[in-house]
């Protein structure tokens, strides 16, 4: 039950951090909770420019600020792949 609560908690935190920080180049945004409670995020993009890096930096800063302790790992950034981690928070349709 605690794991389910933690997944929901992190999903809400990451979703809230995405607001105003996405553009058409984002394909998926996902995360998983690793043993020990660390949170790994993954961004899958169709293209990456300085703007996407700014968005990811903002997302990660907002996401990290919502944590009770420092558990957020540096994000994985992948180009042109539809792979995602266990918990998908955003997925571009079409």
PDB file of N, CA and C in Angstrom:
ATOM      1  N   UNK A   1       0.817  -1.204   0.000  1.00  0.00           N
ATOM      2  CA  UNK A   1       0.000   0.000   0.000  1.00  0.00           C
ATOM      3  C   UNK A   1       0.854   1.259   0.000  1.00  0.00           C
ATOM      4  N   UNK A   2       1.941   1.262   0.764  1.00  0.00           N
ATOM      5  CA  UNK A   2       2.827   2.421   0.777  1.00  0.00           C
ATOM      6  C   UNK A   2       3.433   2.668  -0.595  1.00  0.00           C
ATOM      7  N   UNK A   3       3.777   1.597  -1.328  1.00  0.00           N
ATOM      8  CA  UNK A   3       4.333   1.759  -2.667  1.00  0.00           C
ATOM      9  C   UNK A   3       3.328   2.418  -3.589  1.00  0.00           C
ATOM     10  N   UNK A   4       2.062   2.014  -3.509  1.00  0.00           N
ATOM     11  CA  UNK A   4       1.015   2.606  -4.329  1.00  0.00           C
ATOM     12  C   UNK A   4       0.851   4.088  -3.994  1.00  0.00           C
ATOM     13  N   UNK A   5       0.884   4.426  -2.734  1.00  0.00           N
ATOM     14  CA  UNK A   5       0.805   5.820  -2.310  1.00  0.00           C
ATOM     15  C   UNK A   5       1.982   6.608  -2.866  1.00  0.00           C
ATOM     16  N   UNK A   6       3.172   6.055  -2.794  1.00  0.00           N
ATOM     17  CA  UNK A   6       4.379   6.742  -3.272  1.00  0.00           C
ATOM     18  C   UNK A   6       4.312   6.976  -4.779  1.00  0.00           C
ATOM     19  N   UNK A   7       3.842   5.999  -5.538  1.00  0.00           N
ATOM     20  CA  UNK A   7       3.711   6.158  -6.990  1.00  0.00           C
ATOM     21  C   UNK A   7       2.727   7.284  -7.303  1.00  0.00           C
ATOM     22  N   UNK A   8       1.595   7.300  -6.631  1.00  0.00           N
ATOM     23  CA  UNK A   8       0.609   8.359  -6.856  1.00  0.00           C
ATOM     24  C   UNK A   8       1.167   9.720  -6.471  1.00  0.00           C
ATOM     25  N   UNK A   9       1.855   9.784  -5.339  1.00  0.00           N
ATOM     26  CA  UNK A   9       2.463  11.024  -4.864  1.00  0.00           C
ATOM     27  C   UNK A   9       3.456  11.557  -5.898  1.00  0.00           C
ATOM     28  N   UNK A  10       4.324  10.696  -6.404  1.00  0.00           N
ATOM     29  CA  UNK A  10       5.322  11.133  -7.375  1.00  0.00           C
ATOM     30  C   UNK A  10       4.680  11.482  -8.715  1.00  0.00           C
ATOM     31  N   UNK A  11       3.650  10.770  -9.095  1.00  0.00           N
ATOM     32  CA  UNK A  11       2.939  11.054 -10.337  1.00  0.00           C
ATOM     33  C   UNK A  11       2.334  12.464 -10.303  1.00  0.00           C
ATOM     34  N   UNK A  12       1.721  12.804  -9.203  1.00  0.00           N
ATOM     35  CA  UNK A  12       1.132  14.136  -9.044  1.00  0.00           C
ATOM     36  C   UNK A  12       2.220  15.198  -9.056  1.00  0.00           C
ATOM     37  N   UNK A  13       3.308  14.960  -8.350  1.00  0.00           N
ATOM     38  CA  UNK A  13       4.403  15.928  -8.307  1.00  0.00           C
ATOM     39  C   UNK A  13       4.992  16.176  -9.688  1.00  0.00           C
ATOM     40  N   UNK A  14       5.247  15.094 -10.431  1.00  0.00           N
ATOM     41  CA  UNK A  14       5.846  15.249 -11.755  1.00  0.00           C
ATOM     42  C   UNK A  14       4.855  15.882 -12.728  1.00  0.00           C
ATOM     43  N   UNK A  15       3.602  15.471 -12.663  1.00  0.00           N
ATOM     44  CA  UNK A  15       2.582  16.067 -13.530  1.00  0.00           C
ATOM     45  C   UNK A  15       2.476  17.569 -13.297  1.00  0.00           C
ATOM     46  N   UNK A  16       2.464  17.988 -12.049  1.00  0.00           N
ATOM     47  CA  UNK A  16       2.390  19.414 -11.736  1.00  0.00           C
ATOM     48  C   UNK A  16       3.622  20.168 -12.245  1.00  0.00           C
ATOM     49  N   UNK A  17       4.780  19.531 -12.211  1.00  0.00           N
ATOM     50  CA  UNK A  17       6.004  20.171 -12.698  1.00  0.00           C
ATOM     51  C   UNK A  17       6.003  20.314 -14.221  1.00  0.00           C
ATOM     52  N   UNK A  18       5.219  19.499 -14.919  1.00  0.00           N
ATOM     53  CA  UNK A  18       5.164  19.555 -16.382  1.00  0.00           C
ATOM     54  C   UNK A  18       4.373  20.749 -16.908  1.00  0.00           C
ATOM     55  N   UNK A  19       3.502  21.295 -16.082  1.00  0.00           N
ATOM     56  CA  UNK A  19       2.643  22.389 -16.519  1.00  0.00           C
ATOM     57  C   UNK A  19       3.511  23.543 -17.020  1.00  0.00           C
ATOM     58  N   UNK A  20       3.231  23.981 -18.238  1.00  0.00           N
ATOM     59  CA  UNK A  20       3.936  25.075 -18.917  1.00  0.00           C
ATOM     60  C   UNK A  20       5.377  24.717 -19.286  1.00  0.00           C
ATOM     61  N   UNK A  21       5.765  23.452 -19.191  1.00  0.00           N
ATOM     62  CA  UNK A  21       7.137  23.058 -19.489  1.00  0.00           C
ATOM     63  C   UNK A  21       7.234  21.952 -20.531  1.00  0.00           C
ATOM     64  N   UNK A  22       6.288  21.900 -21.447  1.00  0.00           N
ATOM     65  CA  UNK A  22       6.318  20.908 -22.522  1.00  0.00           C
ATOM     66  C   UNK A  22       6.146  21.612 -23.860  1.00  0.00           C
ATOM     67  N   UNK A  23       6.680  20.991 -24.919  1.00  0.00           N
ATOM     68  CA  UNK A  23       6.368  21.442 -26.268  1.00  0.00           C
ATOM     69  C   UNK A  23       6.173  20.216 -27.156  1.00  0.00           C
ATOM     70  N   UNK A  24       6.019  20.413 -28.440  1.00  0.00           N
ATOM     71  CA  UNK A  24       5.718  19.308 -29.352  1.00  0.00           C
ATOM     72  C   UNK A  24       6.832  18.282 -29.489  1.00  0.00           C
ATOM     73  N   UNK A  25       8.022  18.571 -29.026  1.00  0.00           N
ATOM     74  CA  UNK A  25       9.137  17.629 -29.129  1.00  0.00           C
ATOM     75  C   UNK A  25       9.142  16.573 -28.026  1.00  0.00           C
ATOM     76  N   UNK A  26       8.310  16.723 -27.007  1.00  0.00           N
ATOM     77  CA  UNK A  26       8.233  15.728 -25.938  1.00  0.00           C
ATOM     78  C   UNK A  26       7.331  14.584 -26.383  1.00  0.00           C
ATOM     79  N   UNK A  27       7.835  13.356 -26.328  1.00  0.00           N
ATOM     80  CA  UNK A  27       7.057  12.171 -26.690  1.00  0.00           C
ATOM     81  C   UNK A  27       6.491  11.523 -25.437  1.00  0.00           C
ATOM     82  N   UNK A  28       7.345  11.218 -24.465  1.00  0.00           N
ATOM     83  CA  UNK A  28       6.888  10.676 -23.184  1.00  0.00           C
ATOM     84  C   UNK A  28       7.698  11.275 -22.044  1.00  0.00           C
ATOM     85  N   UNK A  29       7.063  11.324 -20.891  1.00  0.00           N
ATOM     86  CA  UNK A  29       7.734  11.643 -19.634  1.00  0.00           C
ATOM     87  C   UNK A  29       7.294  10.558 -18.669  1.00  0.00           C
ATOM     88  N   UNK A  30       8.265   9.892 -18.064  1.00  0.00           N
ATOM     89  CA  UNK A  30       7.949   8.770 -17.179  1.00  0.00           C
ATOM     90  C   UNK A  30       8.914   8.746 -15.999  1.00  0.00           C
ATOM     91  N   UNK A  31       8.591   7.876 -15.034  1.00  0.00           N
ATOM     92  CA  UNK A  31       9.460   7.728 -13.866  1.00  0.00           C
ATOM     93  C   UNK A  31       9.297   6.334 -13.293  1.00  0.00           C
ATOM     94  N   UNK A  32      10.255   5.985 -12.455  1.00  0.00           N
ATOM     95  CA  UNK A  32      10.125   4.781 -11.645  1.00  0.00           C
ATOM     96  C   UNK A  32      10.819   5.028 -10.321  1.00  0.00           C
ATOM     97  N   UNK A  33      10.334   4.333  -9.318  1.00  0.00           N
ATOM     98  CA  UNK A  33      10.917   4.431  -7.989  1.00  0.00           C
ATOM     99  C   UNK A  33      11.854   3.243  -7.834  1.00  0.00           C
ATOM    100  N   UNK A  34      13.104   3.548  -7.579  1.00  0.00           N
ATOM    101  CA  UNK A  34      14.149   2.533  -7.473  1.00  0.00           C
ATOM    102  C   UNK A  34      14.287   2.122  -6.014  1.00  0.00           C
ATOM    103  N   UNK A  35      14.764   0.906  -5.794  1.00  0.00           N
ATOM    104  CA  UNK A  35      15.006   0.435  -4.421  1.00  0.00           C
ATOM    105  C   UNK A  35      15.741   1.499  -3.622  1.00  0.00           C
ATOM    106  N   UNK A  36      15.284   1.741  -2.429  1.00  0.00           N
ATOM    107  CA  UNK A  36      15.862   2.774  -1.586  1.00  0.00           C
ATOM    108  C   UNK A  36      15.081   4.072  -1.651  1.00  0.00           C
ATOM    109  N   UNK A  37      14.114   4.155  -2.588  1.00  0.00           N
ATOM    110  CA  UNK A  37      13.255   5.326  -2.655  1.00  0.00           C
ATOM    111  C   UNK A  37      13.682   6.398  -3.631  1.00  0.00           C
ATOM    112  N   UNK A  38      14.810   6.222  -4.340  1.00  0.00           N
ATOM    113  CA  UNK A  38      15.210   7.207  -5.336  1.00  0.00           C
ATOM    114  C   UNK A  38      14.237   7.187  -6.505  1.00  0.00           C
ATOM    115  N   UNK A  39      14.057   8.342  -7.139  1.00  0.00           N
ATOM    116  CA  UNK A  39      13.138   8.468  -8.270  1.00  0.00           C
ATOM    117  C   UNK A  39      13.954   8.754  -9.529  1.00  0.00           C
ATOM    118  N   UNK A  40      13.810   7.879 -10.522  1.00  0.00           N
ATOM    119  CA  UNK A  40      14.462   8.058 -11.826  1.00  0.00           C
ATOM    120  C   UNK A  40      13.428   8.558 -12.815  1.00  0.00           C
ATOM    121  N   UNK A  41      13.710   9.670 -13.480  1.00  0.00           N
ATOM    122  CA  UNK A  41      12.824  10.202 -14.505  1.00  0.00           C
ATOM    123  C   UNK A  41      13.432   9.953 -15.877  1.00  0.00           C
ATOM    124  N   UNK A  42      12.570   9.921 -16.878  1.00  0.00           N
ATOM    125  CA  UNK A  42      13.027   9.720 -18.250  1.00  0.00           C
ATOM    126  C   UNK A  42      12.193  10.584 -19.180  1.00  0.00           C
ATOM    127  N   UNK A  43      12.882  11.321 -20.043  1.00  0.00           N
ATOM    128  CA  UNK A  43      12.252  12.164 -21.045  1.00  0.00           C
ATOM    129  C   UNK A  43      12.600  11.609 -22.414  1.00  0.00           C
ATOM    130  N   UNK A  44      11.585  11.307 -23.209  1.00  0.00           N
ATOM    131  CA  UNK A  44      11.794  10.856 -24.575  1.00  0.00           C
ATOM    132  C   UNK A  44      11.354  11.991 -25.491  1.00  0.00           C
ATOM    133  N   UNK A  45      12.272  12.414 -26.368  1.00  0.00           N
ATOM    134  CA  UNK A  45      12.034  13.573 -27.220  1.00  0.00           C
ATOM    135  C   UNK A  45      12.216  13.217 -28.688  1.00  0.00           C
ATOM    136  N   UNK A  46      11.499  13.924 -29.554  1.00  0.00           N
ATOM    137  CA  UNK A  46      11.692  13.746 -30.993  1.00  0.00           C
ATOM    138  C   UNK A  46      12.826  14.626 -31.506  1.00  0.00           C
ATOM    139  N   UNK A  47      13.111  15.707 -30.810  1.00  0.00           N
ATOM    140  CA  UNK A  47      14.229  16.598 -31.119  1.00  0.00           C
ATOM    141  C   UNK A  47      14.618  17.303 -29.834  1.00  0.00           C
ATOM    142  N   UNK A  48      15.868  17.704 -29.764  1.00  0.00           N
ATOM    143  CA  UNK A  48      16.305  18.393 -28.551  1.00  0.00           C
ATOM    144  C   UNK A  48      17.095  19.640 -28.928  1.00  0.00           C
ATOM    145  N   UNK A  49      16.629  20.744 -28.376  1.00  0.00           N
ATOM    146  CA  UNK A  49      17.288  22.028 -28.556  1.00  0.00           C
ATOM    147  C   UNK A  49      17.545  22.610 -27.168  1.00  0.00           C
ATOM    148  N   UNK A  50      18.066  23.796 -27.153  1.00  0.00           N
ATOM    149  CA  UNK A  50      18.288  24.458 -25.872  1.00  0.00           C
ATOM    150  C   UNK A  50      16.967  24.677 -25.129  1.00  0.00           C
ATOM    151  N   UNK A  51      15.886  24.897 -25.876  1.00  0.00           N
ATOM    152  CA  UNK A  51      14.575  25.122 -25.257  1.00  0.00           C
ATOM    153  C   UNK A  51      14.108  23.888 -24.477  1.00  0.00           C
ATOM    154  N   UNK A  52      14.245  22.697 -25.082  1.00  0.00           N
ATOM    155  CA  UNK A  52      13.851  21.470 -24.376  1.00  0.00           C
ATOM    156  C   UNK A  52      14.709  21.266 -23.133  1.00  0.00           C
ATOM    157  N   UNK A  53      15.991  21.585 -23.236  1.00  0.00           N
ATOM    158  CA  UNK A  53      16.863  21.438 -22.061  1.00  0.00           C
ATOM    159  C   UNK A  53      16.441  22.408 -20.952  1.00  0.00           C
ATOM    160  N   UNK A  54      16.019  23.609 -21.324  1.00  0.00           N
ATOM    161  CA  UNK A  54      15.509  24.563 -20.331  1.00  0.00           C
ATOM    162  C   UNK A  54      14.248  24.015 -19.665  1.00  0.00           C
ATOM    163  N   UNK A  55      13.346  23.458 -20.494  1.00  0.00           N
ATOM    164  CA  UNK A  55      12.127  22.874 -19.941  1.00  0.00           C
ATOM    165  C   UNK A  55      12.446  21.734 -18.974  1.00  0.00           C
ATOM    166  N   UNK A  56      13.338  20.852 -19.366  1.00  0.00           N
ATOM    167  CA  UNK A  56      13.702  19.718 -18.508  1.00  0.00           C
ATOM    168  C   UNK A  56      14.330  20.215 -17.213  1.00  0.00           C
ATOM    169  N   UNK A  57      15.179  21.218 -17.308  1.00  0.00           N
ATOM    170  CA  UNK A  57      15.788  21.792 -16.097  1.00  0.00           C
ATOM    171  C   UNK A  57      14.721  22.355 -15.169  1.00  0.00           C
ATOM    172  N   UNK A  58      13.755  23.079 -15.728  1.00  0.00           N
ATOM    173  CA  UNK A  58      12.656  23.636 -14.921  1.00  0.00           C
ATOM    174  C   UNK A  58      11.813  22.525 -14.297  1.00  0.00           C
ATOM    175  N   UNK A  59      11.480  21.509 -15.105  1.00  0.00           N
ATOM    176  CA  UNK A  59      10.689  20.379 -14.600  1.00  0.00           C
ATOM    177  C   UNK A  59      11.404  19.714 -13.430  1.00  0.00           C
ATOM    178  N   UNK A  60      12.678  19.439 -13.610  1.00  0.00           N
ATOM    179  CA  UNK A  60      13.426  18.731 -12.564  1.00  0.00           C
ATOM    180  C   UNK A  60      13.568  19.589 -11.303  1.00  0.00           C
ATOM    181  N   UNK A  61      13.740  20.890 -11.469  1.00  0.00           N
ATOM    182  CA  UNK A  61      13.839  21.767 -10.296  1.00  0.00           C
ATOM    183  C   UNK A  61      12.511  21.778  -9.529  1.00  0.00           C
ATOM    184  N   UNK A  62      11.400  21.931 -10.243  1.00  0.00           N
ATOM    185  CA  UNK A  62      10.086  21.932  -9.587  1.00  0.00           C
ATOM    186  C   UNK A  62       9.778  20.575  -8.959  1.00  0.00           C
ATOM    187  N   UNK A  63      10.092  19.505  -9.663  1.00  0.00           N
ATOM    188  CA  UNK A  63       9.851  18.155  -9.154  1.00  0.00           C
ATOM    189  C   UNK A  63      10.669  17.911  -7.883  1.00  0.00           C
ATOM    190  N   UNK A  64      11.930  18.308  -7.906  1.00  0.00           N
ATOM    191  CA  UNK A  64      12.806  18.115  -6.739  1.00  0.00           C
ATOM    192  C   UNK A  64      12.330  18.915  -5.532  1.00  0.00           C
ATOM    193  N   UNK A  65      11.821  20.112  -5.774  1.00  0.00           N
ATOM    194  CA  UNK A  65      11.341  20.949  -4.663  1.00  0.00           C
ATOM    195  C   UNK A  65      10.125  20.356  -3.963  1.00  0.00           C
ATOM    196  N   UNK A  66       9.392  19.491  -4.640  1.00  0.00           N
ATOM    197  CA  UNK A  66       8.183  18.895  -4.066  1.00  0.00           C
ATOM    198  C   UNK A  66       8.475  17.639  -3.234  1.00  0.00           C
ATOM    199  N   UNK A  67       9.744  17.272  -3.124  1.00  0.00           N
ATOM    200  CA  UNK A  67      10.118  16.059  -2.401  1.00  0.00           C
ATOM    201  C   UNK A  67      10.318  16.339  -0.914  1.00  0.00           C
ATOM    202  N   UNK A  68      10.096  15.310  -0.102  1.00  0.00           N
ATOM    203  CA  UNK A  68      10.333  15.427   1.331  1.00  0.00           C
ATOM    204  C   UNK A  68      11.813  15.288   1.658  1.00  0.00           C
ATOM    205  N   UNK A  69      12.555  14.612   0.756  1.00  0.00           N
ATOM    206  CA  UNK A  69      14.003  14.477   0.913  1.00  0.00           C
ATOM    207  C   UNK A  69      14.618  14.392  -0.476  1.00  0.00           C
ATOM    208  N   UNK A  70      15.929  14.509  -0.549  1.00  0.00           N
ATOM    209  CA  UNK A  70      16.629  14.535  -1.825  1.00  0.00           C
ATOM    210  C   UNK A  70      16.716  13.127  -2.412  1.00  0.00           C
ATOM    211  N   UNK A  71      15.728  12.765  -3.243  1.00  0.00           N
ATOM    212  CA  UNK A  71      15.679  11.416  -3.799  1.00  0.00           C
ATOM    213  C   UNK A  71      15.639  11.396  -5.319  1.00  0.00           C
ATOM    214  N   UNK A  72      15.639  12.555  -5.961  1.00  0.00           N
ATOM    215  CA  UNK A  72      15.488  12.620  -7.410  1.00  0.00           C
ATOM    216  C   UNK A  72      16.851  12.497  -8.086  1.00  0.00           C
ATOM    217  N   UNK A  73      16.982  11.480  -8.925  1.00  0.00           N
ATOM    218  CA  UNK A  73      18.214  11.254  -9.677  1.00  0.00           C
ATOM    219  C   UNK A  73      18.227  12.136 -10.933  1.00  0.00           C
ATOM    220  N   UNK A  74      19.401  12.382 -11.511  1.00  0.00           N
ATOM    221  CA  UNK A  74      19.441  13.123 -12.781  1.00  0.00           C
ATOM    222  C   UNK A  74      18.599  12.390 -13.835  1.00  0.00           C
ATOM    223  N   UNK A  75      17.916  13.134 -14.694  1.00  0.00           N
ATOM    224  CA  UNK A  75      17.011  12.494 -15.652  1.00  0.00           C
ATOM    225  C   UNK A  75      17.749  11.776 -16.774  1.00  0.00           C
ATOM    226  N   UNK A  76      17.092  10.764 -17.313  1.00  0.00           N
ATOM    227  CA  UNK A  76      17.552  10.131 -18.544  1.00  0.00           C
ATOM    228  C   UNK A  76      16.849  10.865 -19.678  1.00  0.00           C
ATOM    229  N   UNK A  77      17.599  11.200 -20.728  1.00  0.00           N
ATOM    230  CA  UNK A  77      17.035  11.893 -21.879  1.00  0.00           C
ATOM    231  C   UNK A  77      17.341  11.051 -23.108  1.00  0.00           C
ATOM    232  N   UNK A  78      16.285  10.670 -23.833  1.00  0.00           N
ATOM    233  CA  UNK A  78      16.413   9.773 -24.972  1.00  0.00           C
ATOM    234  C   UNK A  78      15.761  10.419 -26.186  1.00  0.00           C
ATOM    235  N   UNK A  79      16.388  10.261 -27.348  1.00  0.00           N
ATOM    236  CA  UNK A  79      15.838  10.796 -28.593  1.00  0.00           C
ATOM    237  C   UNK A  79      15.198   9.709 -29.433  1.00  0.00           C
ATOM    238  N   UNK A  80      14.064  10.050 -30.041  1.00  0.00           N
ATOM    239  CA  UNK A  80      13.400   9.212 -31.048  1.00  0.00           C
ATOM    240  C   UNK A  80      13.202   7.760 -30.629  1.00  0.00           C
ATOM    241  N   UNK A  81      12.687   7.576 -29.462  1.00  0.00           N
ATOM    242  CA  UNK A  81      12.377   6.241 -28.966  1.00  0.00           C
ATOM    243  C   UNK A  81      11.050   6.333 -28.231  1.00  0.00           C
ATOM    244  N   UNK A  82      10.278   5.293 -28.289  1.00  0.00           N
ATOM    245  CA  UNK A  82       8.991   5.308 -27.580  1.00  0.00           C
ATOM    246  C   UNK A  82       9.055   4.509 -26.285  1.00  0.00           C
ATOM    247  N   UNK A  83      10.243   4.249 -25.807  1.00  0.00           N
ATOM    248  CA  UNK A  83      10.373   3.520 -24.546  1.00  0.00           C
ATOM    249  C   UNK A  83      10.118   4.463 -23.377  1.00  0.00           C
ATOM    250  N   UNK A  84       9.548   3.918 -22.343  1.00  0.00           N
ATOM    251  CA  UNK A  84       9.260   4.701 -21.151  1.00  0.00           C
ATOM    252  C   UNK A  84       9.553   3.846 -19.928  1.00  0.00           C
ATOM    253  N   UNK A  85       9.697   4.513 -18.797  1.00  0.00           N
ATOM    254  CA  UNK A  85       9.854   3.800 -17.543  1.00  0.00           C
ATOM    255  C   UNK A  85       8.485   3.300 -17.082  1.00  0.00           C
ATOM    256  N   UNK A  86       8.452   2.688 -15.932  1.00  0.00           N
ATOM    257  CA  UNK A  86       7.262   1.994 -15.433  1.00  0.00           C
ATOM    258  C   UNK A  86       6.012   2.871 -15.341  1.00  0.00           C
ATOM    259  N   UNK A  87       6.159   4.110 -14.906  1.00  0.00           N
ATOM    260  CA  UNK A  87       5.009   4.991 -14.673  1.00  0.00           C
ATOM    261  C   UNK A  87       5.042   6.159 -15.656  1.00  0.00           C
ATOM    262  N   UNK A  88       4.113   6.173 -16.590  1.00  0.00           N
ATOM    263  CA  UNK A  88       4.060   7.209 -17.619  1.00  0.00           C
ATOM    264  C   UNK A  88       3.151   8.336 -17.146  1.00  0.00           C
ATOM    265  N   UNK A  89       3.693   9.556 -17.120  1.00  0.00           N
ATOM    266  CA  UNK A  89       2.934  10.732 -16.689  1.00  0.00           C
ATOM    267  C   UNK A  89       2.436  11.510 -17.892  1.00  0.00           C
ATOM    268  N   UNK A  90       3.198  11.496 -18.988  1.00  0.00           N
ATOM    269  CA  UNK A  90       2.808  12.175 -20.218  1.00  0.00           C
ATOM    270  C   UNK A  90       3.163  11.295 -21.393  1.00  0.00           C
ATOM    271  N   UNK A  91       2.250  11.201 -22.349  1.00  0.00           N
ATOM    272  CA  UNK A  91       2.514  10.472 -23.598  1.00  0.00           C
ATOM    273  C   UNK A  91       1.833  11.221 -24.722  1.00  0.00           C
ATOM    274  N   UNK A  92       2.614  11.589 -25.717  1.00  0.00           N
ATOM    275  CA  UNK A  92       2.076  12.321 -26.873  1.00  0.00           C
ATOM    276  C   UNK A  92       1.298  11.354 -27.751  1.00  0.00           C
ATOM    277  N   UNK A  93       0.083  11.682 -28.039  1.00  0.00           N
ATOM    278  CA  UNK A  93      -0.722  10.816 -28.895  1.00  0.00           C
ATOM    279  C   UNK A  93      -0.554  11.231 -30.352  1.00  0.00           C
ATOM    280  N   UNK A  94      -0.684  10.241 -31.215  1.00  0.00           N
ATOM    281  CA  UNK A  94      -0.609  10.501 -32.637  1.00  0.00           C
ATOM    282  C   UNK A  94       0.765  10.632 -33.074  1.00  0.00           C
TER     283      UNK A  94
END
